[in-house]
Amino acid sequence: MASTYALIVAAGRGARFGGELPKQYLGLGGGTVLRHAVTAFATHPQIAGVLVMIRPEDQSHYERATAGLTLLPPVPGGPERQDSVRLGLEALAAEHPDRVLIHDGARPFPGAALIDRVIDGLDRAPAAIPALPLGDTIKRVQDGLIRATVDRSQLWRAQTPQGFHFAPILAAHRAAVGQILTDDAAVAEAAGMAPLIVAGSQENLKVTTMEDLAAAERLLMARLGDVRVGEGFDVHPFGPGDHVMVCGVAIPHEVAPVGHSDADVGLHALTDAVLGAIGAGDIGMHFPPSDPRWRGASSDRFLAYAAALVRERGGTIAAVDVTVICERPKIAPHRDRMIQQVAAILEISADRVSVKATTTERLGFLGRGEGIAAQAVATVRLPL
């Protein structure tokens, strides 16, 4: 079987979009625009490997966006998209691919069926391009006035991923250095290839404006119509020690919670909430206290595992809410750091995380300062 690799172009600045953060790293449904795009190829059975072109200054954004995915090392892009693709193809040459699919990182939804159609098209032609026929009437305008109506019968909107036999498209890009061509199909055409058109997808939208991002969010939420809610609770007594772990943050304290792992009540409760939302039992089933492997373990491993189970089911974590219950230590001074920690572990945006604290008004063992507890709620969206 011919080996097929994917090259994802994410080295652009997205000047038309505006804002400090390049559009490919903006939040979308609990992940980012780029993560959705990359995941489609990284999980496709016919894709042997995925390489992403990035701006070197975006390295930290890239690492967060692609955490947990198995990818080839990213490659710095060039000043223009065409330069980035050529540099990516040169880097991919070391893998000796037979075919390559070139995709824009700002298109988050290249579905598996679309990828299949492009790959299948390469059995019939040296290049295969997904496209959609124009549905609107096209006007030629000058000085704000319509001068002509254009025949649209032979006009199509090209999308990505655009597929090519590897050696010819690499040679075509090398030959096109210095030219200004708008997509890789144009590079292929300039080299004498006649790309085959395969059916594109209306869902394969490109995020260029805030309106596009909102449309992508609506589309994603429509796909993930099975809304689940899970709740979790955890409590630990205090014993000897000098700090308390809460939601991934170490807080200096004269005592410490007693537990088999690091006794982080916030992350334990939240892990149970995420597992409960997908009907996957509780933390003790997956990480039994009797197993010495988890003695003193950092609880972020438990929560990351639960989040990965959600992603394996094609779902996303929509929001989480944690309430810490104790008299001391004070939680409020550390709240922002806790939110950032939880968001990073779950790979969701911080505005989807809530952490707050309360007391029992000095009632019971918590009120006497003998321990610490937490309760959590997680909202998860899964495909219908």
Protein backbone atom coordinates (compact mmCIF):
# COMPACT_ATOMS: atom_id res chain seq x y z
CA MET A 1 0.00 0.00 0.00
CA ALA A 2 1.30 3.47 -0.88
CA SER A 3 2.38 5.49 2.16
CA THR A 4 0.46 8.73 2.62
CA TYR A 5 1.57 11.57 4.87
CA ALA A 6 -0.20 14.78 5.86
CA LEU A 7 1.41 18.22 5.82
CA ILE A 8 -0.50 20.80 7.88
CA VAL A 9 0.27 24.44 7.16
CA ALA A 10 -0.05 26.49 10.36
CA ALA A 11 2.74 29.05 9.99
CA GLY A 12 0.50 31.99 9.14
CA ARG A 13 -0.13 34.98 11.36
CA GLY A 14 -3.80 35.35 10.41
CA ALA A 15 -3.60 39.14 10.00
CA ARG A 16 -7.13 39.34 8.58
CA PHE A 17 -8.52 37.74 11.73
CA GLY A 18 -6.92 40.24 14.10
CA GLY A 19 -5.98 39.73 17.74
CA GLU A 20 -2.75 38.67 19.42
CA LEU A 21 -3.20 34.92 19.03
CA PRO A 22 -2.97 33.37 15.54
CA LYS A 23 -6.37 32.00 14.54
CA GLN A 24 -5.18 28.38 14.36
CA TYR A 25 -4.56 28.45 18.13
CA LEU A 26 -7.92 29.93 19.10
CA GLY A 27 -10.22 27.86 21.28
CA LEU A 28 -12.82 25.69 19.58
CA GLY A 29 -15.04 23.26 21.45
CA GLY A 30 -12.64 22.62 24.30
CA GLY A 31 -9.61 22.35 22.01
CA THR A 32 -8.16 24.65 19.36
CA VAL A 33 -8.78 25.13 15.65
CA LEU A 34 -5.43 23.50 14.88
CA ARG A 35 -5.96 20.54 17.20
CA HIS A 36 -9.19 19.61 15.46
CA ALA A 37 -7.48 19.78 12.07
CA VAL A 38 -4.42 17.79 13.13
CA THR A 39 -6.45 15.15 14.98
CA ALA A 40 -8.42 14.35 11.83
CA PHE A 41 -5.22 13.22 10.11
CA ALA A 42 -3.38 11.81 13.14
CA THR A 43 -6.27 9.41 13.81
CA HIS A 44 -6.98 8.46 10.19
CA PRO A 45 -5.98 4.85 9.44
CA GLN A 46 -4.50 5.65 6.01
CA ILE A 47 -2.22 8.47 7.20
CA ALA A 48 1.27 7.25 8.08
CA GLY A 49 2.43 10.47 9.71
CA VAL A 50 1.61 14.13 10.21
CA LEU A 51 3.99 17.10 9.98
CA VAL A 52 2.94 20.62 10.96
CA MET A 53 4.52 23.83 9.69
CA ILE A 54 4.62 26.53 12.39
CA ARG A 55 6.16 29.89 13.20
CA PRO A 56 9.07 29.30 15.63
CA GLU A 57 7.66 31.93 18.00
CA ASP A 58 4.45 29.89 18.25
CA GLN A 59 6.23 26.79 19.60
CA SER A 60 4.57 26.94 23.02
CA HIS A 61 1.12 27.44 21.47
CA TYR A 62 1.78 24.49 19.18
CA GLU A 63 2.86 22.21 22.01
CA ARG A 64 -0.27 22.98 24.01
CA ALA A 65 -2.53 22.58 20.98
CA THR A 66 -1.12 19.18 20.00
CA ALA A 67 -0.35 17.67 23.42
CA GLY A 68 -0.95 13.92 23.44
CA LEU A 69 -0.94 13.53 19.65
CA THR A 70 1.72 11.45 17.90
CA LEU A 71 3.24 13.74 15.26
CA LEU A 72 6.49 14.30 13.42
CA PRO A 73 8.58 17.18 14.84
CA PRO A 74 7.22 20.54 13.60
CA VAL A 75 9.15 22.50 10.98
CA PRO A 76 9.50 26.31 10.79
CA GLY A 77 7.54 27.84 7.94
CA GLY A 78 8.59 30.46 5.43
CA PRO A 79 7.46 34.05 4.82
CA GLU A 80 4.59 32.95 2.53
CA ARG A 81 2.34 29.90 2.49
CA GLN A 82 3.98 28.62 -0.69
CA ASP A 83 7.40 28.81 0.99
CA SER A 84 6.08 26.94 4.03
CA VAL A 85 4.70 24.11 1.92
CA ARG A 86 7.94 23.72 0.02
CA LEU A 87 9.95 23.63 3.24
CA GLY A 88 7.52 21.08 4.66
CA LEU A 89 7.80 18.87 1.59
CA GLU A 90 11.60 19.03 1.82
CA ALA A 91 11.38 17.90 5.46
CA LEU A 92 8.91 15.12 4.61
CA ALA A 93 11.25 13.75 1.94
CA ALA A 94 13.21 12.03 4.72
CA GLU A 95 10.15 9.83 5.36
CA HIS A 96 10.06 8.68 1.69
CA PRO A 97 6.30 9.14 1.28
CA ASP A 98 4.50 8.03 -1.86
CA ARG A 99 1.72 10.58 -1.42
CA VAL A 100 1.07 13.73 0.57
CA LEU A 101 -2.08 15.56 1.62
CA ILE A 102 -1.52 19.29 2.16
CA HIS A 103 -4.03 20.94 4.48
CA ASP A 104 -4.60 24.40 5.95
CA GLY A 105 -4.43 24.43 9.76
CA ALA A 106 -7.31 26.94 9.81
CA ARG A 107 -9.73 24.30 8.44
CA PRO A 108 -10.71 22.36 11.59
CA PHE A 109 -13.13 19.83 10.08
CA PRO A 110 -11.59 17.75 7.28
CA GLY A 111 -13.79 14.71 7.88
CA ALA A 112 -12.61 11.14 7.45
CA ALA A 113 -14.84 10.65 4.40
CA LEU A 114 -13.33 13.74 2.73
CA ILE A 115 -9.80 12.48 3.42
CA ASP A 116 -10.80 9.10 1.96
CA ARG A 117 -12.07 10.75 -1.23
CA VAL A 118 -8.82 12.65 -1.75
CA ILE A 119 -6.70 9.53 -1.16
CA ASP A 120 -8.90 7.47 -3.48
CA GLY A 121 -8.59 10.19 -6.13
CA LEU A 122 -4.82 9.71 -6.15
CA ASP A 123 -5.39 6.22 -7.55
CA ARG A 124 -6.71 7.92 -10.70
CA ALA A 125 -4.60 11.06 -11.03
CA PRO A 126 -1.32 12.62 -9.84
CA ALA A 127 -3.31 15.23 -7.89
CA ALA A 128 -6.76 15.24 -6.28
CA ILE A 129 -8.43 18.42 -5.04
CA PRO A 130 -11.67 18.64 -3.01
CA ALA A 131 -13.95 21.35 -4.33
CA LEU A 132 -17.55 22.56 -4.27
CA PRO A 133 -19.48 24.04 -7.18
CA LEU A 134 -20.48 27.67 -6.79
CA GLY A 135 -24.08 28.09 -5.72
CA ASP A 136 -24.37 31.87 -5.86
CA THR A 137 -24.67 34.00 -8.96
CA ILE A 138 -21.28 35.62 -9.68
CA LYS A 139 -21.00 39.29 -10.67
CA ARG A 140 -18.04 41.19 -12.06
CA VAL A 141 -17.99 44.56 -10.30
CA GLN A 142 -16.11 47.79 -11.05
CA ASP A 143 -16.37 51.03 -9.06
CA GLY A 144 -19.23 49.55 -7.05
CA LEU A 145 -21.32 48.80 -10.14
CA ILE A 146 -22.12 45.41 -11.66
CA ARG A 147 -20.52 45.23 -15.10
CA ALA A 148 -21.28 41.60 -16.00
CA THR A 149 -22.72 38.32 -14.78
CA VAL A 150 -20.15 35.53 -14.88
CA ASP A 151 -21.01 32.04 -16.08
CA ARG A 152 -20.55 29.90 -12.96
CA SER A 153 -21.11 26.49 -14.57
CA GLN A 154 -17.38 25.74 -14.68
CA LEU A 155 -16.39 27.51 -11.47
CA TRP A 156 -15.57 25.57 -8.27
CA ARG A 157 -14.40 26.52 -4.77
CA ALA A 158 -11.19 24.64 -3.95
CA GLN A 159 -10.64 23.30 -0.44
CA THR A 160 -7.93 21.37 1.39
CA PRO A 161 -6.58 18.75 1.96
CA GLN A 162 -5.16 18.72 -1.54
CA GLY A 163 -3.56 15.39 -2.40
CA PHE A 164 -0.54 14.71 -4.59
CA HIS A 165 1.92 12.06 -5.57
CA PHE A 166 4.90 13.17 -3.54
CA ALA A 167 7.80 13.38 -5.99
CA PRO A 168 5.92 15.42 -8.64
CA ILE A 169 4.55 18.00 -6.18
CA LEU A 170 7.97 18.44 -4.53
CA ALA A 171 9.51 19.03 -7.96
CA ALA A 172 6.68 21.42 -8.85
CA HIS A 173 7.22 23.47 -5.69
CA ARG A 174 10.94 23.65 -6.31
CA ALA A 175 10.25 24.90 -9.83
CA ALA A 176 7.70 27.47 -8.59
CA VAL A 177 10.08 29.33 -6.25
CA GLY A 178 9.66 33.05 -6.87
CA GLN A 179 6.17 32.73 -8.34
CA ILE A 180 3.04 33.76 -6.43
CA LEU A 181 0.45 30.97 -6.64
CA THR A 182 -2.60 30.81 -4.42
CA ASP A 183 -2.73 27.10 -3.60
CA ASP A 184 -0.91 23.84 -4.21
CA ALA A 185 -3.25 22.89 -7.04
CA ALA A 186 -2.04 26.01 -8.87
CA VAL A 187 1.56 24.89 -8.30
CA ALA A 188 0.66 21.49 -9.78
CA GLU A 189 -1.08 23.12 -12.75
CA ALA A 190 1.98 25.28 -13.44
CA ALA A 191 4.01 22.05 -13.64
CA GLY A 192 1.65 20.57 -16.22
CA MET A 193 -0.51 18.41 -13.97
CA ALA A 194 -4.30 18.33 -14.31
CA PRO A 195 -5.68 17.79 -10.78
CA LEU A 196 -8.76 15.63 -10.39
CA ILE A 197 -11.74 17.21 -8.64
CA VAL A 198 -13.33 15.17 -5.82
CA ALA A 199 -16.38 16.18 -3.80
CA GLY A 200 -15.59 18.69 -1.08
CA SER A 201 -17.59 19.23 2.12
CA GLN A 202 -19.72 22.14 3.29
CA GLU A 203 -18.50 21.42 6.83
CA ASN A 204 -14.87 21.84 5.76
CA LEU A 205 -14.99 25.58 6.44
CA LYS A 206 -11.95 27.82 6.80
CA VAL A 207 -11.68 30.05 9.87
CA THR A 208 -10.82 33.51 8.55
CA THR A 209 -13.08 35.80 10.62
CA MET A 210 -14.79 35.77 14.03
CA GLU A 211 -18.00 34.85 12.19
CA ASP A 212 -16.25 31.77 10.79
CA LEU A 213 -15.09 30.77 14.27
CA ALA A 214 -18.63 31.13 15.62
CA ALA A 215 -19.94 29.01 12.73
CA ALA A 216 -17.33 26.34 13.48
CA GLU A 217 -18.39 26.32 17.15
CA ARG A 218 -22.05 25.90 16.17
CA LEU A 219 -21.17 23.09 13.80
CA LEU A 220 -19.13 21.30 16.44
CA MET A 221 -21.84 21.62 19.06
CA ALA A 222 -24.42 20.27 16.61
CA ARG A 223 -22.23 17.21 16.12
CA LEU A 224 -21.81 16.74 19.87
CA GLY A 225 -25.46 16.71 20.82
CA ASP A 226 -25.25 14.12 23.61
CA VAL A 227 -24.73 16.32 26.67
CA ARG A 228 -23.64 14.48 29.84
CA VAL A 229 -23.08 15.73 33.39
CA GLY A 230 -21.03 13.92 36.03
CA GLU A 231 -20.31 14.76 39.65
CA GLY A 232 -17.49 13.82 41.98
CA PHE A 233 -16.59 14.14 45.66
CA ASP A 234 -13.37 13.53 47.57
CA VAL A 235 -12.18 14.03 51.13
CA HIS A 236 -8.86 13.51 52.93
CA PRO A 237 -7.91 13.87 56.59
CA PHE A 238 -4.91 15.98 57.57
CA GLY A 239 -1.70 14.47 58.89
CA PRO A 240 1.98 15.37 59.12
CA GLY A 241 3.33 17.47 56.27
CA ASP A 242 4.08 20.97 55.08
CA HIS A 243 1.79 21.58 52.10
CA VAL A 244 -1.59 20.83 50.57
CA MET A 245 -2.08 19.98 46.89
CA VAL A 246 -5.30 21.47 45.53
CA CYS A 247 -6.14 21.48 41.81
CA GLY A 248 -2.51 20.94 40.91
CA VAL A 249 -1.16 23.78 43.07
CA ALA A 250 1.02 23.22 46.16
CA ILE A 251 -0.07 25.49 49.05
CA PRO A 252 2.26 25.77 52.06
CA HIS A 253 0.49 24.55 55.23
CA GLU A 254 1.40 23.20 58.64
CA VAL A 255 -0.24 19.85 57.88
CA ALA A 256 -0.88 17.80 54.74
CA PRO A 257 -3.73 15.62 53.50
CA VAL A 258 -3.22 11.90 53.95
CA GLY A 259 -3.72 9.79 50.84
CA HIS A 260 -2.22 7.10 48.63
CA SER A 261 -1.32 9.54 45.85
CA ASP A 262 -0.68 13.25 46.40
CA ALA A 263 -4.20 13.53 47.93
CA ASP A 264 -5.32 16.39 45.68
CA VAL A 265 -9.02 16.52 46.54
CA GLY A 266 -9.80 18.96 43.73
CA LEU A 267 -8.32 16.82 40.96
CA HIS A 268 -9.68 13.59 42.51
CA ALA A 269 -13.23 14.96 42.64
CA LEU A 270 -12.91 16.32 39.13
CA THR A 271 -11.56 13.01 37.79
CA ASP A 272 -14.59 11.23 39.24
CA ALA A 273 -16.89 13.84 37.69
CA VAL A 274 -15.40 13.38 34.20
CA LEU A 275 -15.45 9.59 34.49
CA GLY A 276 -19.02 9.71 35.76
CA ALA A 277 -20.15 11.85 32.82
CA ILE A 278 -19.13 9.12 30.37
CA GLY A 279 -20.20 6.19 32.56
CA ALA A 280 -16.62 5.00 33.09
CA GLY A 281 -16.75 4.22 36.81
CA ASP A 282 -14.63 6.07 39.33
CA ILE A 283 -11.02 6.86 40.05
CA GLY A 284 -10.56 3.82 42.28
CA MET A 285 -11.51 1.45 39.45
CA HIS A 286 -8.82 2.84 37.16
CA PHE A 287 -6.17 3.67 39.79
CA PRO A 288 -6.77 1.34 42.77
CA PRO A 289 -5.12 2.44 46.05
CA SER A 290 -3.83 -1.12 46.45
CA ASP A 291 -1.57 -0.67 43.42
CA PRO A 292 1.87 0.56 44.53
CA ARG A 293 2.35 2.31 41.17
CA TRP A 294 0.10 5.14 42.33
CA ARG A 295 1.75 5.70 45.72
CA GLY A 296 2.57 9.41 45.85
CA ALA A 297 1.53 9.86 42.20
CA SER A 298 0.72 13.31 40.88
CA SER A 299 -3.03 13.52 40.42
CA ASP A 300 -2.79 15.37 37.13
CA ARG A 301 -2.13 11.93 35.60
CA PHE A 302 -5.54 10.72 36.74
CA LEU A 303 -7.40 13.73 35.36
CA ALA A 304 -5.49 13.67 32.05
CA TYR A 305 -6.40 9.99 31.70
CA ALA A 306 -10.10 10.74 32.20
CA ALA A 307 -9.94 13.55 29.64
CA ALA A 308 -8.26 11.23 27.15
CA LEU A 309 -11.16 8.76 27.53
CA VAL A 310 -13.55 11.54 26.54
CA ARG A 311 -11.50 12.35 23.44
CA GLU A 312 -11.28 8.67 22.49
CA ARG A 313 -15.08 8.67 22.32
CA GLY A 314 -15.00 11.67 20.01
CA GLY A 315 -16.22 14.00 22.72
CA THR A 316 -15.15 17.22 24.38
CA ILE A 317 -15.22 18.59 27.92
CA ALA A 318 -17.49 21.63 27.78
CA ALA A 319 -17.03 22.95 31.34
CA VAL A 320 -15.93 21.92 34.84
CA ASP A 321 -16.71 23.40 38.24
CA VAL A 322 -14.80 22.56 41.44
CA THR A 323 -15.72 23.62 44.98
CA VAL A 324 -13.05 23.14 47.64
CA ILE A 325 -14.37 22.78 51.23
CA CYS A 326 -12.05 23.61 54.12
CA GLU A 327 -11.34 26.14 56.87
CA ARG A 328 -7.67 26.37 55.97
CA PRO A 329 -5.57 26.87 53.91
CA LYS A 330 -7.07 29.83 52.10
CA ILE A 331 -7.91 28.94 48.50
CA ALA A 332 -8.72 32.35 47.02
CA PRO A 333 -5.10 33.58 46.64
CA HIS A 334 -4.31 30.51 44.51
CA ARG A 335 -7.53 30.31 42.52
CA ASP A 336 -6.22 31.73 39.23
CA ARG A 337 -3.25 29.34 39.20
CA MET A 338 -5.59 26.43 39.90
CA ILE A 339 -7.81 27.39 36.98
CA GLN A 340 -4.81 27.52 34.67
CA GLN A 341 -3.55 24.15 35.91
CA VAL A 342 -6.90 22.41 35.43
CA ALA A 343 -7.35 23.96 31.99
CA ALA A 344 -3.90 22.76 30.93
CA ILE A 345 -4.49 19.22 32.19
CA LEU A 346 -7.87 18.97 30.44
CA GLU A 347 -6.58 20.82 27.33
CA ILE A 348 -9.49 23.26 27.39
CA SER A 349 -9.62 27.04 27.65
CA ALA A 350 -9.49 28.61 31.09
CA ASP A 351 -12.91 30.23 30.67
CA ARG A 352 -14.39 26.72 30.80
CA VAL A 353 -12.98 26.10 34.29
CA SER A 354 -14.39 27.30 37.60
CA VAL A 355 -12.67 26.86 40.98
CA LYS A 356 -14.15 28.25 44.17
CA ALA A 357 -14.04 27.54 47.89
CA THR A 358 -16.34 27.47 50.88
CA THR A 359 -16.37 26.39 54.52
CA THR A 360 -18.79 24.45 56.72
CA GLU A 361 -19.11 27.39 59.12
CA ARG A 362 -16.87 25.50 61.58
CA LEU A 363 -19.29 22.57 61.71
CA GLY A 364 -18.10 18.94 61.60
CA PHE A 365 -14.62 17.56 61.00
CA LEU A 366 -13.98 20.02 58.16
CA GLY A 367 -15.02 22.89 60.38
CA ARG A 368 -12.60 21.68 63.06
CA GLY A 369 -9.79 21.77 60.51
CA GLU A 370 -9.27 18.01 60.54
CA GLY A 371 -9.34 17.60 56.78
CA ILE A 372 -10.19 18.97 53.34
CA ALA A 373 -12.84 18.04 50.76
CA ALA A 374 -13.94 18.96 47.27
CA GLN A 375 -16.90 18.40 45.03
CA ALA A 376 -16.93 18.80 41.27
CA VAL A 377 -19.25 18.84 38.30
CA ALA A 378 -18.17 18.16 34.71
CA THR A 379 -20.21 18.76 31.55
CA VAL A 380 -19.19 16.59 28.60
CA ARG A 381 -20.46 16.56 25.03
CA LEU A 382 -20.35 13.32 23.04
CA PRO A 383 -21.43 12.49 19.48
CA LEU A 384 -25.04 11.41 19.16
